[in-house]
N, C-alpha and C. Protein backbone atom coordinates (compact mmCIF):
# COMPACT_ATOMS: atom_id res chain seq x y z
N MET A 1 -39.47 102.16 195.35
CA MET A 1 -40.00 102.92 194.25
C MET A 1 -40.58 104.22 194.82
N THR A 2 -40.21 105.31 194.27
CA THR A 2 -40.75 106.60 194.70
C THR A 2 -41.99 106.92 193.91
N ALA A 3 -42.74 107.92 194.37
CA ALA A 3 -43.95 108.33 193.66
C ALA A 3 -43.61 108.76 192.23
N LYS A 4 -42.43 109.37 192.05
CA LYS A 4 -42.01 109.81 190.73
C LYS A 4 -41.78 108.64 189.77
N ASP A 5 -41.35 107.50 190.33
CA ASP A 5 -41.07 106.31 189.53
C ASP A 5 -42.31 105.49 189.20
N ARG A 6 -43.43 105.79 189.83
CA ARG A 6 -44.65 105.02 189.63
C ARG A 6 -45.20 105.23 188.22
N PRO A 7 -45.79 104.18 187.65
CA PRO A 7 -46.43 104.34 186.35
C PRO A 7 -47.65 105.25 186.47
N THR A 8 -47.97 105.93 185.41
CA THR A 8 -49.16 106.79 185.39
C THR A 8 -50.40 105.92 185.47
N ARG A 9 -51.34 106.32 186.28
CA ARG A 9 -52.57 105.55 186.46
C ARG A 9 -53.64 106.01 185.48
N VAL A 10 -54.42 105.07 185.02
CA VAL A 10 -55.63 105.39 184.28
C VAL A 10 -56.65 105.81 185.34
N ALA A 11 -57.37 106.89 185.11
CA ALA A 11 -58.33 107.39 186.10
C ALA A 11 -59.40 106.33 186.36
N LYS A 12 -59.34 105.75 187.52
CA LYS A 12 -60.32 104.76 187.95
C LYS A 12 -61.10 105.36 189.11
N ARG A 13 -62.37 105.02 189.19
CA ARG A 13 -63.24 105.52 190.25
C ARG A 13 -63.17 104.58 191.45
N ILE A 14 -62.74 105.13 192.59
CA ILE A 14 -62.67 104.37 193.83
C ILE A 14 -63.66 104.96 194.81
N LEU A 15 -64.45 104.10 195.43
CA LEU A 15 -65.33 104.52 196.51
C LEU A 15 -64.69 104.06 197.82
N ALA A 16 -64.32 105.02 198.66
CA ALA A 16 -63.71 104.74 199.96
C ALA A 16 -64.77 104.90 201.04
N VAL A 17 -64.92 103.88 201.88
CA VAL A 17 -65.95 103.88 202.90
C VAL A 17 -65.30 103.77 204.27
N ASP A 18 -65.51 104.79 205.11
CA ASP A 18 -64.97 104.79 206.47
C ASP A 18 -65.82 105.73 207.32
N ASP A 19 -66.11 105.32 208.55
CA ASP A 19 -66.94 106.15 209.41
C ASP A 19 -66.17 107.32 210.03
N ASP A 20 -64.85 107.31 209.95
CA ASP A 20 -64.03 108.38 210.52
C ASP A 20 -63.79 109.47 209.47
N PRO A 21 -64.27 110.71 209.73
CA PRO A 21 -64.10 111.77 208.73
C PRO A 21 -62.64 112.11 208.45
N ASP A 22 -61.76 111.95 209.43
CA ASP A 22 -60.34 112.22 209.20
C ASP A 22 -59.74 111.19 208.25
N VAL A 23 -60.14 109.94 208.38
CA VAL A 23 -59.65 108.90 207.47
C VAL A 23 -60.18 109.15 206.07
N ARG A 24 -61.46 109.53 205.94
CA ARG A 24 -62.01 109.83 204.62
C ARG A 24 -61.25 110.98 203.96
N LEU A 25 -60.92 112.01 204.74
CA LEU A 25 -60.16 113.14 204.19
C LEU A 25 -58.78 112.68 203.75
N LEU A 26 -58.10 111.90 204.59
CA LEU A 26 -56.77 111.39 204.24
C LEU A 26 -56.83 110.54 202.97
N LEU A 27 -57.81 109.66 202.88
CA LEU A 27 -57.95 108.83 201.68
C LEU A 27 -58.21 109.69 200.45
N THR A 28 -59.04 110.70 200.59
CA THR A 28 -59.33 111.60 199.47
C THR A 28 -58.06 112.28 198.99
N LEU A 29 -57.28 112.79 199.93
CA LEU A 29 -56.04 113.49 199.56
C LEU A 29 -55.05 112.55 198.87
N ILE A 30 -54.86 111.37 199.43
CA ILE A 30 -53.88 110.42 198.89
C ILE A 30 -54.33 109.92 197.51
N LEU A 31 -55.57 109.51 197.40
CA LEU A 31 -56.04 108.90 196.16
C LEU A 31 -56.22 109.93 195.04
N ASP A 32 -56.64 111.14 195.40
CA ASP A 32 -56.75 112.20 194.40
C ASP A 32 -55.36 112.56 193.86
N ALA A 33 -54.40 112.70 194.77
CA ALA A 33 -53.02 113.02 194.35
C ALA A 33 -52.43 111.92 193.48
N ALA A 34 -52.89 110.68 193.69
CA ALA A 34 -52.38 109.55 192.91
C ALA A 34 -53.09 109.40 191.57
N GLY A 35 -54.08 110.26 191.29
CA GLY A 35 -54.73 110.23 190.00
C GLY A 35 -56.03 109.45 189.92
N TYR A 36 -56.54 109.04 191.07
CA TYR A 36 -57.81 108.33 191.08
C TYR A 36 -58.97 109.31 191.19
N ASP A 37 -60.12 108.90 190.65
CA ASP A 37 -61.38 109.62 190.84
C ASP A 37 -61.97 109.04 192.12
N ILE A 38 -62.02 109.84 193.18
CA ILE A 38 -62.35 109.33 194.50
C ILE A 38 -63.70 109.84 194.99
N GLY A 39 -64.48 108.94 195.50
CA GLY A 39 -65.72 109.27 196.18
C GLY A 39 -65.65 108.65 197.56
N THR A 40 -66.40 109.20 198.50
CA THR A 40 -66.37 108.66 199.86
C THR A 40 -67.78 108.46 200.39
N ALA A 41 -67.88 107.52 201.32
CA ALA A 41 -69.13 107.26 202.04
C ALA A 41 -68.79 107.10 203.52
N ARG A 42 -69.71 107.53 204.38
CA ARG A 42 -69.45 107.51 205.82
C ARG A 42 -69.99 106.26 206.51
N ASP A 43 -70.83 105.50 205.82
CA ASP A 43 -71.38 104.29 206.43
C ASP A 43 -71.84 103.32 205.36
N ALA A 44 -72.32 102.18 205.80
CA ALA A 44 -72.74 101.13 204.87
C ALA A 44 -73.94 101.55 204.03
N PHE A 45 -74.84 102.32 204.60
CA PHE A 45 -76.03 102.74 203.87
C PHE A 45 -75.67 103.69 202.72
N GLU A 46 -74.83 104.68 203.02
CA GLU A 46 -74.38 105.60 201.98
C GLU A 46 -73.55 104.87 200.94
N ALA A 47 -72.73 103.93 201.40
CA ALA A 47 -71.91 103.15 200.48
C ALA A 47 -72.78 102.39 199.48
N GLN A 48 -73.82 101.74 199.97
CA GLN A 48 -74.67 100.97 199.08
C GLN A 48 -75.34 101.86 198.05
N PHE A 49 -75.81 103.02 198.46
CA PHE A 49 -76.42 103.96 197.53
C PHE A 49 -75.42 104.38 196.45
N LEU A 50 -74.20 104.74 196.87
CA LEU A 50 -73.20 105.21 195.92
C LEU A 50 -72.71 104.09 195.00
N ILE A 51 -72.61 102.88 195.51
CA ILE A 51 -72.22 101.75 194.67
C ILE A 51 -73.24 101.59 193.54
N ASP A 52 -74.52 101.68 193.90
CA ASP A 52 -75.58 101.50 192.91
C ASP A 52 -75.66 102.65 191.92
N HIS A 53 -75.29 103.87 192.33
CA HIS A 53 -75.49 105.04 191.49
C HIS A 53 -74.24 105.61 190.82
N THR A 54 -73.05 105.22 191.30
CA THR A 54 -71.83 105.77 190.68
C THR A 54 -70.99 104.70 190.00
N GLN A 55 -71.31 103.44 190.22
CA GLN A 55 -70.60 102.32 189.61
C GLN A 55 -69.08 102.46 189.70
N PRO A 56 -68.54 102.39 190.94
CA PRO A 56 -67.09 102.51 191.09
C PRO A 56 -66.36 101.32 190.48
N ASP A 57 -65.07 101.53 190.19
CA ASP A 57 -64.22 100.45 189.69
C ASP A 57 -63.65 99.61 190.81
N LEU A 58 -63.65 100.16 192.03
CA LEU A 58 -63.10 99.45 193.19
C LEU A 58 -63.73 100.04 194.44
N LEU A 59 -63.97 99.18 195.43
CA LEU A 59 -64.49 99.59 196.72
C LEU A 59 -63.39 99.42 197.76
N LEU A 60 -63.03 100.51 198.43
CA LEU A 60 -62.04 100.50 199.52
C LEU A 60 -62.85 100.64 200.79
N LEU A 61 -62.90 99.61 201.62
CA LEU A 61 -63.93 99.46 202.64
C LEU A 61 -63.36 99.19 204.02
N ASP A 62 -63.72 100.07 204.98
CA ASP A 62 -63.39 99.83 206.38
C ASP A 62 -64.29 98.71 206.89
N LEU A 63 -63.73 97.77 207.64
CA LEU A 63 -64.53 96.67 208.15
C LEU A 63 -65.29 97.02 209.41
N MET A 64 -64.71 97.86 210.25
CA MET A 64 -65.30 98.15 211.56
C MET A 64 -66.04 99.48 211.53
N MET A 65 -67.37 99.40 211.33
CA MET A 65 -68.21 100.59 211.32
C MET A 65 -69.44 100.31 212.18
N PRO A 66 -70.05 101.35 212.75
CA PRO A 66 -71.25 101.14 213.57
C PRO A 66 -72.44 100.72 212.71
N GLU A 67 -73.45 100.17 213.35
CA GLU A 67 -74.68 99.69 212.73
C GLU A 67 -74.38 98.57 211.75
N ARG A 68 -74.25 98.87 210.46
CA ARG A 68 -73.88 97.86 209.47
C ARG A 68 -72.39 97.99 209.21
N ASP A 69 -71.64 96.91 209.39
CA ASP A 69 -70.19 96.98 209.20
C ASP A 69 -69.79 96.59 207.78
N GLY A 70 -68.49 96.56 207.55
CA GLY A 70 -67.98 96.23 206.22
C GLY A 70 -68.38 94.85 205.74
N TRP A 71 -68.50 93.91 206.66
CA TRP A 71 -68.90 92.55 206.27
C TRP A 71 -70.31 92.57 205.66
N ASP A 72 -71.20 93.41 206.22
CA ASP A 72 -72.55 93.53 205.67
C ASP A 72 -72.51 94.09 204.24
N VAL A 73 -71.63 95.05 204.02
CA VAL A 73 -71.49 95.65 202.68
C VAL A 73 -70.97 94.60 201.70
N ILE A 74 -69.97 93.84 202.10
CA ILE A 74 -69.42 92.79 201.24
C ILE A 74 -70.51 91.80 200.87
N GLU A 75 -71.29 91.37 201.85
CA GLU A 75 -72.36 90.41 201.60
C GLU A 75 -73.38 90.97 200.59
N ALA A 76 -73.76 92.24 200.76
CA ALA A 76 -74.74 92.86 199.85
C ALA A 76 -74.17 93.01 198.45
N VAL A 77 -72.92 93.41 198.34
CA VAL A 77 -72.28 93.58 197.03
C VAL A 77 -72.20 92.24 196.30
N ARG A 78 -71.79 91.21 196.99
CA ARG A 78 -71.63 89.89 196.36
C ARG A 78 -72.97 89.25 196.03
N ALA A 79 -74.04 89.62 196.73
CA ALA A 79 -75.36 89.05 196.48
C ALA A 79 -76.06 89.69 195.29
N ASN A 80 -75.62 90.87 194.89
CA ASN A 80 -76.25 91.62 193.80
C ASN A 80 -75.57 91.26 192.47
N PRO A 81 -76.30 90.71 191.50
CA PRO A 81 -75.68 90.36 190.22
C PRO A 81 -75.01 91.53 189.51
N ALA A 82 -75.49 92.75 189.74
CA ALA A 82 -74.91 93.93 189.08
C ALA A 82 -73.57 94.34 189.69
N THR A 83 -73.30 93.91 190.94
CA THR A 83 -72.07 94.34 191.61
C THR A 83 -71.21 93.18 192.10
N ARG A 84 -71.63 91.97 191.88
CA ARG A 84 -70.92 90.83 192.47
C ARG A 84 -69.44 90.75 192.08
N ASP A 85 -69.06 91.33 190.93
CA ASP A 85 -67.66 91.28 190.50
C ASP A 85 -66.87 92.54 190.85
N LEU A 86 -67.48 93.46 191.59
CA LEU A 86 -66.79 94.67 191.99
C LEU A 86 -65.59 94.32 192.87
N PRO A 87 -64.38 94.73 192.49
CA PRO A 87 -63.22 94.47 193.35
C PRO A 87 -63.35 95.21 194.68
N ILE A 88 -63.03 94.51 195.77
CA ILE A 88 -63.10 95.09 197.11
C ILE A 88 -61.75 94.92 197.79
N VAL A 89 -61.27 96.04 198.35
CA VAL A 89 -60.09 96.04 199.21
C VAL A 89 -60.56 96.51 200.57
N VAL A 90 -60.30 95.72 201.60
CA VAL A 90 -60.74 96.08 202.94
C VAL A 90 -59.61 96.74 203.72
N MET A 91 -60.02 97.58 204.68
CA MET A 91 -59.09 98.25 205.59
C MET A 91 -59.47 97.89 207.02
N SER A 92 -58.46 97.62 207.84
CA SER A 92 -58.75 97.34 209.24
C SER A 92 -57.49 97.43 210.09
N ALA A 93 -57.68 97.89 211.32
CA ALA A 93 -56.60 97.87 212.31
C ALA A 93 -56.70 96.61 213.15
N LYS A 94 -57.82 95.94 213.11
CA LYS A 94 -58.08 94.79 213.98
C LYS A 94 -57.52 93.48 213.47
N PHE A 95 -57.32 93.37 212.18
CA PHE A 95 -56.90 92.10 211.61
C PHE A 95 -55.50 92.22 211.05
N SER A 96 -54.54 91.53 211.66
CA SER A 96 -53.18 91.61 211.16
C SER A 96 -52.94 90.56 210.06
N LEU A 97 -53.61 89.44 210.14
CA LEU A 97 -53.52 88.42 209.10
C LEU A 97 -54.90 88.27 208.50
N PHE A 98 -54.99 88.43 207.22
CA PHE A 98 -56.30 88.42 206.57
C PHE A 98 -56.19 87.67 205.27
N ASN A 99 -56.86 86.54 205.18
CA ASN A 99 -56.87 85.78 203.95
C ASN A 99 -58.01 86.30 203.08
N THR A 100 -57.68 87.14 202.13
CA THR A 100 -58.69 87.84 201.34
C THR A 100 -59.57 86.90 200.53
N GLN A 101 -59.00 85.86 199.96
CA GLN A 101 -59.79 84.97 199.10
C GLN A 101 -60.89 84.27 199.88
N ASP A 102 -60.67 84.00 201.16
CA ASP A 102 -61.68 83.33 201.96
C ASP A 102 -62.85 84.23 202.29
N HIS A 103 -62.71 85.53 202.06
CA HIS A 103 -63.74 86.48 202.45
C HIS A 103 -64.34 87.24 201.27
N GLY A 104 -64.06 86.83 200.06
CA GLY A 104 -64.67 87.45 198.89
C GLY A 104 -64.13 88.83 198.56
N VAL A 105 -62.91 89.12 199.01
CA VAL A 105 -62.30 90.40 198.68
C VAL A 105 -60.96 90.16 198.00
N GLN A 106 -60.49 91.18 197.30
CA GLN A 106 -59.27 91.02 196.51
C GLN A 106 -58.03 91.58 197.19
N GLY A 107 -58.17 92.34 198.26
CA GLY A 107 -56.99 92.91 198.91
C GLY A 107 -57.28 93.39 200.31
N TYR A 108 -56.20 93.66 201.03
CA TYR A 108 -56.27 94.09 202.43
C TYR A 108 -55.27 95.21 202.65
N VAL A 109 -55.70 96.26 203.36
CA VAL A 109 -54.83 97.37 203.73
C VAL A 109 -54.90 97.51 205.24
N ARG A 110 -53.75 97.54 205.87
CA ARG A 110 -53.67 97.65 207.31
C ARG A 110 -53.79 99.11 207.74
N LYS A 111 -54.50 99.34 208.83
CA LYS A 111 -54.56 100.66 209.47
C LYS A 111 -53.65 100.63 210.68
N PRO A 112 -52.96 101.71 211.00
CA PRO A 112 -52.96 102.99 210.31
C PRO A 112 -52.40 102.84 208.90
N LEU A 113 -52.88 103.70 208.03
CA LEU A 113 -52.59 103.59 206.61
C LEU A 113 -51.14 103.94 206.28
N ASP A 114 -50.55 103.12 205.43
CA ASP A 114 -49.27 103.40 204.80
C ASP A 114 -49.62 103.73 203.35
N ALA A 115 -49.50 104.99 202.96
CA ALA A 115 -49.98 105.45 201.65
C ALA A 115 -49.38 104.65 200.50
N MET A 116 -48.08 104.43 200.51
CA MET A 116 -47.43 103.72 199.40
C MET A 116 -47.90 102.26 199.33
N ALA A 117 -48.00 101.60 200.48
CA ALA A 117 -48.47 100.21 200.50
C ALA A 117 -49.91 100.13 200.02
N MET A 118 -50.74 101.08 200.44
CA MET A 118 -52.13 101.10 200.00
C MET A 118 -52.21 101.28 198.49
N LEU A 119 -51.45 102.24 197.94
CA LEU A 119 -51.46 102.47 196.50
C LEU A 119 -50.98 101.25 195.74
N ASP A 120 -49.96 100.58 196.25
CA ASP A 120 -49.48 99.35 195.61
C ASP A 120 -50.59 98.29 195.57
N THR A 121 -51.31 98.15 196.69
CA THR A 121 -52.40 97.17 196.75
C THR A 121 -53.51 97.54 195.77
N LEU A 122 -53.92 98.80 195.77
CA LEU A 122 -54.99 99.23 194.87
C LEU A 122 -54.59 99.07 193.41
N ASP A 123 -53.36 99.46 193.09
CA ASP A 123 -52.86 99.31 191.72
C ASP A 123 -52.91 97.84 191.28
N ALA A 124 -52.44 96.94 192.16
CA ALA A 124 -52.42 95.51 191.83
C ALA A 124 -53.82 94.97 191.61
N VAL A 125 -54.75 95.35 192.47
CA VAL A 125 -56.11 94.85 192.34
C VAL A 125 -56.76 95.39 191.07
N LEU A 126 -56.58 96.66 190.78
CA LEU A 126 -57.18 97.23 189.58
C LEU A 126 -56.54 96.70 188.30
N ARG A 127 -55.25 96.39 188.37
CA ARG A 127 -54.54 95.89 187.19
C ARG A 127 -54.81 94.41 186.96
N GLU A 128 -54.77 93.63 188.05
CA GLU A 128 -54.80 92.17 187.89
C GLU A 128 -55.97 91.50 188.60
N GLY A 129 -56.74 92.27 189.35
CA GLY A 129 -57.88 91.70 190.03
C GLY A 129 -57.56 91.05 191.36
N LYS A 130 -56.29 91.06 191.73
CA LYS A 130 -55.91 90.43 193.01
C LYS A 130 -54.55 90.94 193.44
N VAL A 131 -54.24 90.69 194.69
CA VAL A 131 -52.92 91.01 195.23
C VAL A 131 -52.09 89.74 195.23
N HIS A 132 -50.84 89.88 194.85
CA HIS A 132 -49.95 88.70 194.85
C HIS A 132 -49.60 88.29 196.25
């Protein structure tokens, strides 16, 4: 399926969290071009603030970050009644096999990023709440 063949997306707010500024820029470019309302955070602390104040429709989260990592963010999101149902898609280069249901997330994106595969995953999670 080409980008031209893709269905039109309803503008959904995605918060992308990654400590690498180049990855944040790449995610912004890809997701903005795909029709998403994109916000970014550079670490777990900024992510938590933005989750609480912008109410994203989906969290796209790098697992490997300094200080507080993605696992800490997942734990905080799931512990908060206001955000416990927020869909989370994780990104990582370290995990080739990832059972999302065992970790409280709805999807997984492998790094380095494949834009089309990532968009397919995000679309599936936003549409159905999970990846097939």
